[in-house]
Amino acid sequence: MFKAQLVGVYTVSEMPDELRPFVNLEARRRKRELRLDDKFIALQIEGTLSFLTFFLDTIPSIGQLETELKAQECLLDPVSRVSVEKVIEHHRSRR
């Protein structure tokens, strides 16, 4: 299993340029039109220059995210898991 580490939580309007292809890929995969205020988490696969991105409004729980990561043979490192869980909870409570 590959380990994934949280690198940030961004909106489309503020994302770093190196994340743009990964966000575009996730948007296409979900058949989604990007909006500047879409929020997403960016995870880097340790030891690589590859990122996985997930729109926060598509992740109902940390369990769902871990299921999606497992399908890609990845798992969150422990520190990132705690951080991502807090981000998901915060996002859910603001809806």
PDB file of N, CA and C in Angstrom:
ATOM      1  N   MET A   1       0.841  -1.187   0.000  1.00  0.00           N
ATOM      2  CA  MET A   1       0.000   0.000   0.000  1.00  0.00           C
ATOM      3  C   MET A   1       0.884   1.247   0.000  1.00  0.00           C
ATOM      4  N   PHE A   2       0.452   2.208  -0.793  1.00  0.00           N
ATOM      5  CA  PHE A   2       1.128   3.499  -0.821  1.00  0.00           C
ATOM      6  C   PHE A   2       0.574   4.355   0.312  1.00  0.00           C
ATOM      7  N   LYS A   3       1.394   5.240   0.838  1.00  0.00           N
ATOM      8  CA  LYS A   3       0.924   6.161   1.876  1.00  0.00           C
ATOM      9  C   LYS A   3       0.641   7.516   1.256  1.00  0.00           C
ATOM     10  N   ALA A   4      -0.469   8.102   1.691  1.00  0.00           N
ATOM     11  CA  ALA A   4      -0.861   9.421   1.213  1.00  0.00           C
ATOM     12  C   ALA A   4      -0.781  10.404   2.372  1.00  0.00           C
ATOM     13  N   GLN A   5      -0.257  11.584   2.064  1.00  0.00           N
ATOM     14  CA  GLN A   5      -0.082  12.616   3.075  1.00  0.00           C
ATOM     15  C   GLN A   5      -0.829  13.873   2.652  1.00  0.00           C
ATOM     16  N   LEU A   6      -1.567  14.459   3.582  1.00  0.00           N
ATOM     17  CA  LEU A   6      -2.292  15.693   3.304  1.00  0.00           C
ATOM     18  C   LEU A   6      -1.300  16.823   3.051  1.00  0.00           C
ATOM     19  N   VAL A   7      -1.492  17.526   1.932  1.00  0.00           N
ATOM     20  CA  VAL A   7      -0.644  18.692   1.650  1.00  0.00           C
ATOM     21  C   VAL A   7      -1.425  19.989   1.746  1.00  0.00           C
ATOM     22  N   GLY A   8      -2.762  19.901   1.711  1.00  0.00           N
ATOM     23  CA  GLY A   8      -3.528  21.122   1.875  1.00  0.00           C
ATOM     24  C   GLY A   8      -4.983  20.982   1.533  1.00  0.00           C
ATOM     25  N   VAL A   9      -5.718  22.019   1.944  1.00  0.00           N
ATOM     26  CA  VAL A   9      -7.131  22.168   1.613  1.00  0.00           C
ATOM     27  C   VAL A   9      -7.223  23.485   0.860  1.00  0.00           C
ATOM     28  N   TYR A  10      -7.783  23.449  -0.337  1.00  0.00           N
ATOM     29  CA  TYR A  10      -7.788  24.613  -1.221  1.00  0.00           C
ATOM     30  C   TYR A  10      -9.155  24.812  -1.855  1.00  0.00           C
ATOM     31  N   THR A  11      -9.361  26.013  -2.361  1.00  0.00           N
ATOM     32  CA  THR A  11     -10.453  26.243  -3.298  1.00  0.00           C
ATOM     33  C   THR A  11      -9.809  26.238  -4.684  1.00  0.00           C
ATOM     34  N   VAL A  12     -10.612  26.035  -5.702  1.00  0.00           N
ATOM     35  CA  VAL A  12     -10.095  26.021  -7.067  1.00  0.00           C
ATOM     36  C   VAL A  12      -9.397  27.349  -7.382  1.00  0.00           C
ATOM     37  N   SER A  13      -9.944  28.441  -6.871  1.00  0.00           N
ATOM     38  CA  SER A  13      -9.360  29.757  -7.174  1.00  0.00           C
ATOM     39  C   SER A  13      -7.992  29.974  -6.544  1.00  0.00           C
ATOM     40  N   GLU A  14      -7.660  29.241  -5.487  1.00  0.00           N
ATOM     41  CA  GLU A  14      -6.391  29.459  -4.799  1.00  0.00           C
ATOM     42  C   GLU A  14      -5.407  28.296  -4.910  1.00  0.00           C
ATOM     43  N   MET A  15      -5.734  27.300  -5.726  1.00  0.00           N
ATOM     44  CA  MET A  15      -4.868  26.115  -5.775  1.00  0.00           C
ATOM     45  C   MET A  15      -3.521  26.413  -6.427  1.00  0.00           C
ATOM     46  N   PRO A  16      -2.477  25.738  -5.948  1.00  0.00           N
ATOM     47  CA  PRO A  16      -1.170  25.856  -6.593  1.00  0.00           C
ATOM     48  C   PRO A  16      -1.218  25.263  -8.009  1.00  0.00           C
ATOM     49  N   ASP A  17      -0.424  25.820  -8.903  1.00  0.00           N
ATOM     50  CA  ASP A  17      -0.423  25.377 -10.300  1.00  0.00           C
ATOM     51  C   ASP A  17      -0.136  23.888 -10.463  1.00  0.00           C
ATOM     52  N   GLU A  18       0.718  23.318  -9.607  1.00  0.00           N
ATOM     53  CA  GLU A  18       1.074  21.904  -9.773  1.00  0.00           C
ATOM     54  C   GLU A  18      -0.102  20.974  -9.483  1.00  0.00           C
ATOM     55  N   LEU A  19      -1.152  21.487  -8.819  1.00  0.00           N
ATOM     56  CA  LEU A  19      -2.323  20.655  -8.545  1.00  0.00           C
ATOM     57  C   LEU A  19      -3.376  20.712  -9.653  1.00  0.00           C
ATOM     58  N   ARG A  20      -3.286  21.699 -10.523  1.00  0.00           N
ATOM     59  CA  ARG A  20      -4.306  21.902 -11.552  1.00  0.00           C
ATOM     60  C   ARG A  20      -4.616  20.636 -12.371  1.00  0.00           C
ATOM     61  N   PRO A  21      -3.607  19.908 -12.883  1.00  0.00           N
ATOM     62  CA  PRO A  21      -3.944  18.706 -13.677  1.00  0.00           C
ATOM     63  C   PRO A  21      -4.677  17.642 -12.862  1.00  0.00           C
ATOM     64  N   PHE A  22      -4.332  17.514 -11.591  1.00  0.00           N
ATOM     65  CA  PHE A  22      -4.961  16.506 -10.741  1.00  0.00           C
ATOM     66  C   PHE A  22      -6.401  16.885 -10.404  1.00  0.00           C
ATOM     67  N   VAL A  23      -6.653  18.173 -10.189  1.00  0.00           N
ATOM     68  CA  VAL A  23      -8.018  18.644  -9.921  1.00  0.00           C
ATOM     69  C   VAL A  23      -8.868  18.506 -11.185  1.00  0.00           C
ATOM     70  N   ASN A  24      -8.299  18.855 -12.315  1.00  0.00           N
ATOM     71  CA  ASN A  24      -9.028  18.700 -13.584  1.00  0.00           C
ATOM     72  C   ASN A  24      -9.382  17.231 -13.835  1.00  0.00           C
ATOM     73  N   LEU A  25      -8.468  16.337 -13.537  1.00  0.00           N
ATOM     74  CA  LEU A  25      -8.714  14.903 -13.710  1.00  0.00           C
ATOM     75  C   LEU A  25      -9.853  14.442 -12.805  1.00  0.00           C
ATOM     76  N   GLU A  26      -9.837  14.870 -11.550  1.00  0.00           N
ATOM     77  CA  GLU A  26     -10.908  14.489 -10.619  1.00  0.00           C
ATOM     78  C   GLU A  26     -12.249  15.067 -11.068  1.00  0.00           C
ATOM     79  N   ALA A  27     -12.245  16.297 -11.566  1.00  0.00           N
ATOM     80  CA  ALA A  27     -13.483  16.914 -12.055  1.00  0.00           C
ATOM     81  C   ALA A  27     -14.038  16.125 -13.244  1.00  0.00           C
ATOM     82  N   ARG A  28     -13.170  15.732 -14.164  1.00  0.00           N
ATOM     83  CA  ARG A  28     -13.621  14.938 -15.313  1.00  0.00           C
ATOM     84  C   ARG A  28     -14.147  13.580 -14.877  1.00  0.00           C
ATOM     85  N   ARG A  29     -13.452  12.975 -13.933  1.00  0.00           N
ATOM     86  CA  ARG A  29     -13.868  11.660 -13.428  1.00  0.00           C
ATOM     87  C   ARG A  29     -15.269  11.729 -12.821  1.00  0.00           C
ATOM     88  N   ARG A  30     -15.579  12.832 -12.184  1.00  0.00           N
ATOM     89  CA  ARG A  30     -16.882  13.014 -11.535  1.00  0.00           C
ATOM     90  C   ARG A  30     -17.898  13.743 -12.429  1.00  0.00           C
ATOM     91  N   LYS A  31     -17.473  14.020 -13.685  1.00  0.00           N
ATOM     92  CA  LYS A  31     -18.344  14.752 -14.624  1.00  0.00           C
ATOM     93  C   LYS A  31     -18.854  16.044 -13.986  1.00  0.00           C
ATOM     94  N   ARG A  32     -17.913  16.847 -13.547  1.00  0.00           N
ATOM     95  CA  ARG A  32     -18.197  18.037 -12.760  1.00  0.00           C
ATOM     96  C   ARG A  32     -17.610  19.270 -13.429  1.00  0.00           C
ATOM     97  N   GLU A  33     -18.393  20.324 -13.479  1.00  0.00           N
ATOM     98  CA  GLU A  33     -17.896  21.629 -13.926  1.00  0.00           C
ATOM     99  C   GLU A  33     -17.218  22.294 -12.736  1.00  0.00           C
ATOM    100  N   LEU A  34     -15.990  22.705 -12.900  1.00  0.00           N
ATOM    101  CA  LEU A  34     -15.283  23.357 -11.795  1.00  0.00           C
ATOM    102  C   LEU A  34     -15.823  24.764 -11.561  1.00  0.00           C
ATOM    103  N   ARG A  35     -15.979  25.078 -10.281  1.00  0.00           N
ATOM    104  CA  ARG A  35     -16.336  26.436  -9.876  1.00  0.00           C
ATOM    105  C   ARG A  35     -15.187  26.961  -9.016  1.00  0.00           C
ATOM    106  N   LEU A  36     -14.961  28.257  -9.042  1.00  0.00           N
ATOM    107  CA  LEU A  36     -13.841  28.842  -8.303  1.00  0.00           C
ATOM    108  C   LEU A  36     -13.932  28.600  -6.802  1.00  0.00           C
ATOM    109  N   ASP A  37     -15.148  28.423  -6.272  1.00  0.00           N
ATOM    110  CA  ASP A  37     -15.290  28.227  -4.834  1.00  0.00           C
ATOM    111  C   ASP A  37     -15.350  26.749  -4.421  1.00  0.00           C
ATOM    112  N   ASP A  38     -15.167  25.814  -5.363  1.00  0.00           N
ATOM    113  CA  ASP A  38     -15.106  24.393  -5.010  1.00  0.00           C
ATOM    114  C   ASP A  38     -13.912  24.157  -4.086  1.00  0.00           C
ATOM    115  N   LYS A  39     -14.162  23.472  -2.966  1.00  0.00           N
ATOM    116  CA  LYS A  39     -13.088  23.148  -2.018  1.00  0.00           C
ATOM    117  C   LYS A  39     -12.675  21.703  -2.186  1.00  0.00           C
ATOM    118  N   PHE A  40     -11.379  21.459  -2.076  1.00  0.00           N
ATOM    119  CA  PHE A  40     -10.876  20.097  -2.199  1.00  0.00           C
ATOM    120  C   PHE A  40      -9.682  19.885  -1.278  1.00  0.00           C
ATOM    121  N   ILE A  41      -9.421  18.622  -0.992  1.00  0.00           N
ATOM    122  CA  ILE A  41      -8.203  18.266  -0.269  1.00  0.00           C
ATOM    123  C   ILE A  41      -7.219  17.701  -1.287  1.00  0.00           C
ATOM    124  N   ALA A  42      -5.950  17.948  -1.024  1.00  0.00           N
ATOM    125  CA  ALA A  42      -4.891  17.416  -1.881  1.00  0.00           C
ATOM    126  C   ALA A  42      -4.012  16.508  -1.035  1.00  0.00           C
ATOM    127  N   LEU A  43      -3.831  15.295  -1.522  1.00  0.00           N
ATOM    128  CA  LEU A  43      -2.980  14.311  -0.859  1.00  0.00           C
ATOM    129  C   LEU A  43      -1.829  13.974  -1.795  1.00  0.00           C
ATOM    130  N   GLN A  44      -0.630  13.924  -1.247  1.00  0.00           N
ATOM    131  CA  GLN A  44       0.517  13.520  -2.061  1.00  0.00           C
ATOM    132  C   GLN A  44       0.883  12.092  -1.709  1.00  0.00           C
ATOM    133  N   ILE A  45       1.146  11.309  -2.743  1.00  0.00           N
ATOM    134  CA  ILE A  45       1.608   9.944  -2.538  1.00  0.00           C
ATOM    135  C   ILE A  45       3.083  10.032  -2.154  1.00  0.00           C
ATOM    136  N   GLU A  46       3.398   9.557  -0.954  1.00  0.00           N
ATOM    137  CA  GLU A  46       4.760   9.679  -0.432  1.00  0.00           C
ATOM    138  C   GLU A  46       5.782   9.101  -1.399  1.00  0.00           C
ATOM    139  N   GLY A  47       6.852   9.868  -1.588  1.00  0.00           N
ATOM    140  CA  GLY A  47       7.943   9.426  -2.448  1.00  0.00           C
ATOM    141  C   GLY A  47       7.711   9.685  -3.923  1.00  0.00           C
ATOM    142  N   THR A  48       6.618  10.370  -4.275  1.00  0.00           N
ATOM    143  CA  THR A  48       6.312  10.646  -5.680  1.00  0.00           C
ATOM    144  C   THR A  48       5.946  12.120  -5.849  1.00  0.00           C
ATOM    145  N   LEU A  49       5.727  12.504  -7.080  1.00  0.00           N
ATOM    146  CA  LEU A  49       5.212  13.839  -7.394  1.00  0.00           C
ATOM    147  C   LEU A  49       3.738  13.755  -7.777  1.00  0.00           C
ATOM    148  N   SER A  50       3.097  12.648  -7.408  1.00  0.00           N
ATOM    149  CA  SER A  50       1.684  12.423  -7.731  1.00  0.00           C
ATOM    150  C   SER A  50       0.791  12.861  -6.582  1.00  0.00           C
ATOM    151  N   PHE A  51      -0.365  13.396  -6.964  1.00  0.00           N
ATOM    152  CA  PHE A  51      -1.343  13.860  -5.991  1.00  0.00           C
ATOM    153  C   PHE A  51      -2.688  13.212  -6.279  1.00  0.00           C
ATOM    154  N   LEU A  52      -3.471  13.046  -5.230  1.00  0.00           N
ATOM    155  CA  LEU A  52      -4.876  12.669  -5.344  1.00  0.00           C
ATOM    156  C   LEU A  52      -5.667  13.841  -4.789  1.00  0.00           C
ATOM    157  N   THR A  53      -6.723  14.210  -5.472  1.00  0.00           N
ATOM    158  CA  THR A  53      -7.555  15.307  -4.990  1.00  0.00           C
ATOM    159  C   THR A  53      -8.982  14.802  -4.840  1.00  0.00           C
ATOM    160  N   PHE A  54      -9.668  15.339  -3.831  1.00  0.00           N
ATOM    161  CA  PHE A  54     -11.047  14.953  -3.554  1.00  0.00           C
ATOM    162  C   PHE A  54     -11.824  16.197  -3.189  1.00  0.00           C
ATOM    163  N   PHE A  55     -12.937  16.422  -3.871  1.00  0.00           N
ATOM    164  CA  PHE A  55     -13.791  17.558  -3.545  1.00  0.00           C
ATOM    165  C   PHE A  55     -14.475  17.271  -2.211  1.00  0.00           C
ATOM    166  N   LEU A  56     -14.447  18.242  -1.330  1.00  0.00           N
ATOM    167  CA  LEU A  56     -14.993  18.025   0.011  1.00  0.00           C
ATOM    168  C   LEU A  56     -16.482  17.687  -0.004  1.00  0.00           C
ATOM    169  N   ASP A  57     -17.223  18.226  -0.961  1.00  0.00           N
ATOM    170  CA  ASP A  57     -18.658  17.936  -0.986  1.00  0.00           C
ATOM    171  C   ASP A  57     -18.979  16.526  -1.492  1.00  0.00           C
ATOM    172  N   THR A  58     -17.950  15.762  -1.873  1.00  0.00           N
ATOM    173  CA  THR A  58     -18.167  14.383  -2.313  1.00  0.00           C
ATOM    174  C   THR A  58     -17.712  13.367  -1.271  1.00  0.00           C
ATOM    175  N   ILE A  59     -17.199  13.859  -0.140  1.00  0.00           N
ATOM    176  CA  ILE A  59     -16.676  12.966   0.903  1.00  0.00           C
ATOM    177  C   ILE A  59     -17.557  13.094   2.149  1.00  0.00           C
ATOM    178  N   PRO A  60     -18.482  12.167   2.355  1.00  0.00           N
ATOM    179  CA  PRO A  60     -19.362  12.276   3.519  1.00  0.00           C
ATOM    180  C   PRO A  60     -18.683  11.902   4.842  1.00  0.00           C
ATOM    181  N   SER A  61     -17.602  11.110   4.770  1.00  0.00           N
ATOM    182  CA  SER A  61     -16.949  10.656   6.003  1.00  0.00           C
ATOM    183  C   SER A  61     -15.520  10.226   5.705  1.00  0.00           C
ATOM    184  N   ILE A  62     -14.745  10.115   6.779  1.00  0.00           N
ATOM    185  CA  ILE A  62     -13.365   9.633   6.625  1.00  0.00           C
ATOM    186  C   ILE A  62     -13.379   8.186   6.124  1.00  0.00           C
ATOM    187  N   GLY A  63     -14.385   7.418   6.530  1.00  0.00           N
ATOM    188  CA  GLY A  63     -14.500   6.029   6.071  1.00  0.00           C
ATOM    189  C   GLY A  63     -14.671   5.940   4.566  1.00  0.00           C
ATOM    190  N   GLN A  64     -15.502   6.828   3.997  1.00  0.00           N
ATOM    191  CA  GLN A  64     -15.706   6.857   2.552  1.00  0.00           C
ATOM    192  C   GLN A  64     -14.411   7.200   1.826  1.00  0.00           C
ATOM    193  N   LEU A  65     -13.680   8.184   2.360  1.00  0.00           N
ATOM    194  CA  LEU A  65     -12.404   8.554   1.746  1.00  0.00           C
ATOM    195  C   LEU A  65     -11.430   7.384   1.799  1.00  0.00           C
ATOM    196  N   GLU A  66     -11.369   6.718   2.935  1.00  0.00           N
ATOM    197  CA  GLU A  66     -10.449   5.582   3.060  1.00  0.00           C
ATOM    198  C   GLU A  66     -10.827   4.450   2.108  1.00  0.00           C
ATOM    199  N   THR A  67     -12.115   4.270   1.864  1.00  0.00           N
ATOM    200  CA  THR A  67     -12.555   3.263   0.897  1.00  0.00           C
ATOM    201  C   THR A  67     -12.069   3.631  -0.512  1.00  0.00           C
ATOM    202  N   GLU A  68     -12.220   4.905  -0.873  1.00  0.00           N
ATOM    203  CA  GLU A  68     -11.750   5.355  -2.188  1.00  0.00           C
ATOM    204  C   GLU A  68     -10.231   5.229  -2.309  1.00  0.00           C
ATOM    205  N   LEU A  69      -9.530   5.544  -1.239  1.00  0.00           N
ATOM    206  CA  LEU A  69      -8.069   5.418  -1.266  1.00  0.00           C
ATOM    207  C   LEU A  69      -7.642   3.955  -1.371  1.00  0.00           C
ATOM    208  N   LYS A  70      -8.328   3.082  -0.639  1.00  0.00           N
ATOM    209  CA  LYS A  70      -7.987   1.656  -0.668  1.00  0.00           C
ATOM    210  C   LYS A  70      -8.127   1.099  -2.079  1.00  0.00           C
ATOM    211  N   ALA A  71      -9.136   1.558  -2.824  1.00  0.00           N
ATOM    212  CA  ALA A  71      -9.330   1.117  -4.208  1.00  0.00           C
ATOM    213  C   ALA A  71      -8.146   1.509  -5.087  1.00  0.00           C
ATOM    214  N   GLN A  72      -7.403   2.527  -4.659  1.00  0.00           N
ATOM    215  CA  GLN A  72      -6.217   2.969  -5.394  1.00  0.00           C
ATOM    216  C   GLN A  72      -4.932   2.505  -4.705  1.00  0.00           C
ATOM    217  N   GLU A  73      -5.081   1.530  -3.796  1.00  0.00           N
ATOM    218  CA  GLU A  73      -3.967   0.945  -3.060  1.00  0.00           C
ATOM    219  C   GLU A  73      -3.205   1.981  -2.242  1.00  0.00           C
ATOM    220  N   CYS A  74      -3.950   2.894  -1.613  1.00  0.00           N
ATOM    221  CA  CYS A  74      -3.364   3.938  -0.780  1.00  0.00           C
ATOM    222  C   CYS A  74      -4.021   3.940   0.592  1.00  0.00           C
ATOM    223  N   LEU A  75      -3.301   4.469   1.554  1.00  0.00           N
ATOM    224  CA  LEU A  75      -3.889   4.735   2.838  1.00  0.00           C
ATOM    225  C   LEU A  75      -3.277   6.002   3.399  1.00  0.00           C
ATOM    226  N   LEU A  76      -4.071   6.714   4.213  1.00  0.00           N
ATOM    227  CA  LEU A  76      -3.610   7.960   4.813  1.00  0.00           C
ATOM    228  C   LEU A  76      -2.609   7.655   5.910  1.00  0.00           C
ATOM    229  N   ASP A  77      -1.555   8.495   5.998  1.00  0.00           N
ATOM    230  CA  ASP A  77      -0.674   8.344   7.146  1.00  0.00           C
ATOM    231  C   ASP A  77      -1.456   8.809   8.382  1.00  0.00           C
ATOM    232  N   PRO A  78      -1.079   8.377   9.581  1.00  0.00           N
ATOM    233  CA  PRO A  78      -1.881   8.655  10.776  1.00  0.00           C
ATOM    234  C   PRO A  78      -2.119  10.148  11.060  1.00  0.00           C
ATOM    235  N   VAL A  79      -1.122  10.981  10.900  1.00  0.00           N
ATOM    236  CA  VAL A  79      -1.285  12.411  11.154  1.00  0.00           C
ATOM    237  C   VAL A  79      -2.254  13.022  10.150  1.00  0.00           C
ATOM    238  N   SER A  80      -2.109  12.654   8.882  1.00  0.00           N
ATOM    239  CA  SER A  80      -3.013  13.165   7.846  1.00  0.00           C
ATOM    240  C   SER A  80      -4.442  12.692   8.089  1.00  0.00           C
ATOM    241  N   ARG A  81      -4.606  11.467   8.559  1.00  0.00           N
ATOM    242  CA  ARG A  81      -5.946  10.946   8.815  1.00  0.00           C
ATOM    243  C   ARG A  81      -6.676  11.820   9.834  1.00  0.00           C
ATOM    244  N   VAL A  82      -6.001  12.158  10.927  1.00  0.00           N
ATOM    245  CA  VAL A  82      -6.613  12.999  11.959  1.00  0.00           C
ATOM    246  C   VAL A  82      -6.969  14.368  11.380  1.00  0.00           C
ATOM    247  N   SER A  83      -6.058  14.951  10.615  1.00  0.00           N
ATOM    248  CA  SER A  83      -6.293  16.273  10.027  1.00  0.00           C
ATOM    249  C   SER A  83      -7.448  16.244   9.034  1.00  0.00           C
ATOM    250  N   VAL A  84      -7.463  15.256   8.158  1.00  0.00           N
ATOM    251  CA  VAL A  84      -8.522  15.152   7.147  1.00  0.00           C
ATOM    252  C   VAL A  84      -9.868  14.914   7.821  1.00  0.00           C
ATOM    253  N   GLU A  85      -9.890  14.111   8.857  1.00  0.00           N
ATOM    254  CA  GLU A  85     -11.141  13.860   9.575  1.00  0.00           C
ATOM    255  C   GLU A  85     -11.703  15.171  10.130  1.00  0.00           C
ATOM    256  N   LYS A  86     -10.843  16.020  10.684  1.00  0.00           N
ATOM    257  CA  LYS A  86     -11.275  17.323  11.209  1.00  0.00           C
ATOM    258  C   LYS A  86     -11.796  18.225  10.088  1.00  0.00           C
ATOM    259  N   VAL A  87     -11.114  18.214   8.957  1.00  0.00           N
ATOM    260  CA  VAL A  87     -11.540  19.026   7.807  1.00  0.00           C
ATOM    261  C   VAL A  87     -12.923  18.583   7.326  1.00  0.00           C
ATOM    262  N   ILE A  88     -13.128  17.278   7.216  1.00  0.00           N
ATOM    263  CA  ILE A  88     -14.423  16.747   6.764  1.00  0.00           C
ATOM    264  C   ILE A  88     -15.522  17.140   7.754  1.00  0.00           C
ATOM    265  N   GLU A  89     -15.259  16.956   9.034  1.00  0.00           N
ATOM    266  CA  GLU A  89     -16.250  17.315  10.058  1.00  0.00           C
ATOM    267  C   GLU A  89     -16.585  18.804   9.996  1.00  0.00           C
ATOM    268  N   HIS A  90     -15.570  19.627   9.865  1.00  0.00           N
ATOM    269  CA  HIS A  90     -15.785  21.081   9.792  1.00  0.00           C
ATOM    270  C   HIS A  90     -16.623  21.428   8.559  1.00  0.00           C
ATOM    271  N   HIS A  91     -16.282  20.843   7.438  1.00  0.00           N
ATOM    272  CA  HIS A  91     -17.022  21.116   6.195  1.00  0.00           C
ATOM    273  C   HIS A  91     -18.479  20.671   6.325  1.00  0.00           C
ATOM    274  N   ARG A  92     -18.687  19.502   6.912  1.00  0.00           N
ATOM    275  CA  ARG A  92     -20.051  18.989   7.098  1.00  0.00           C
ATOM    276  C   ARG A  92     -20.870  19.862   8.021  1.00  0.00           C
ATOM    277  N   SER A  93     -20.254  20.392   9.055  1.00  0.00           N
ATOM    278  CA  SER A  93     -20.988  21.208  10.032  1.00  0.00           C
ATOM    279  C   SER A  93     -21.371  22.576   9.472  1.00  0.00           C
ATOM    280  N   ARG A  94     -20.700  23.011   8.397  1.00  0.00           N
ATOM    281  CA  ARG A  94     -20.983  24.324   7.798  1.00  0.00           C
ATOM    282  C   ARG A  94     -22.081  24.270   6.752  1.00  0.00           C
ATOM    283  N   ARG A  95     -22.541  23.085   6.390  1.00  0.00           N
ATOM    284  CA  ARG A  95     -23.590  22.956   5.357  1.00  0.00           C
ATOM    285  C   ARG A  95     -24.925  23.379   5.886  1.00  0.00           C
TER     286      ARG A  95
END
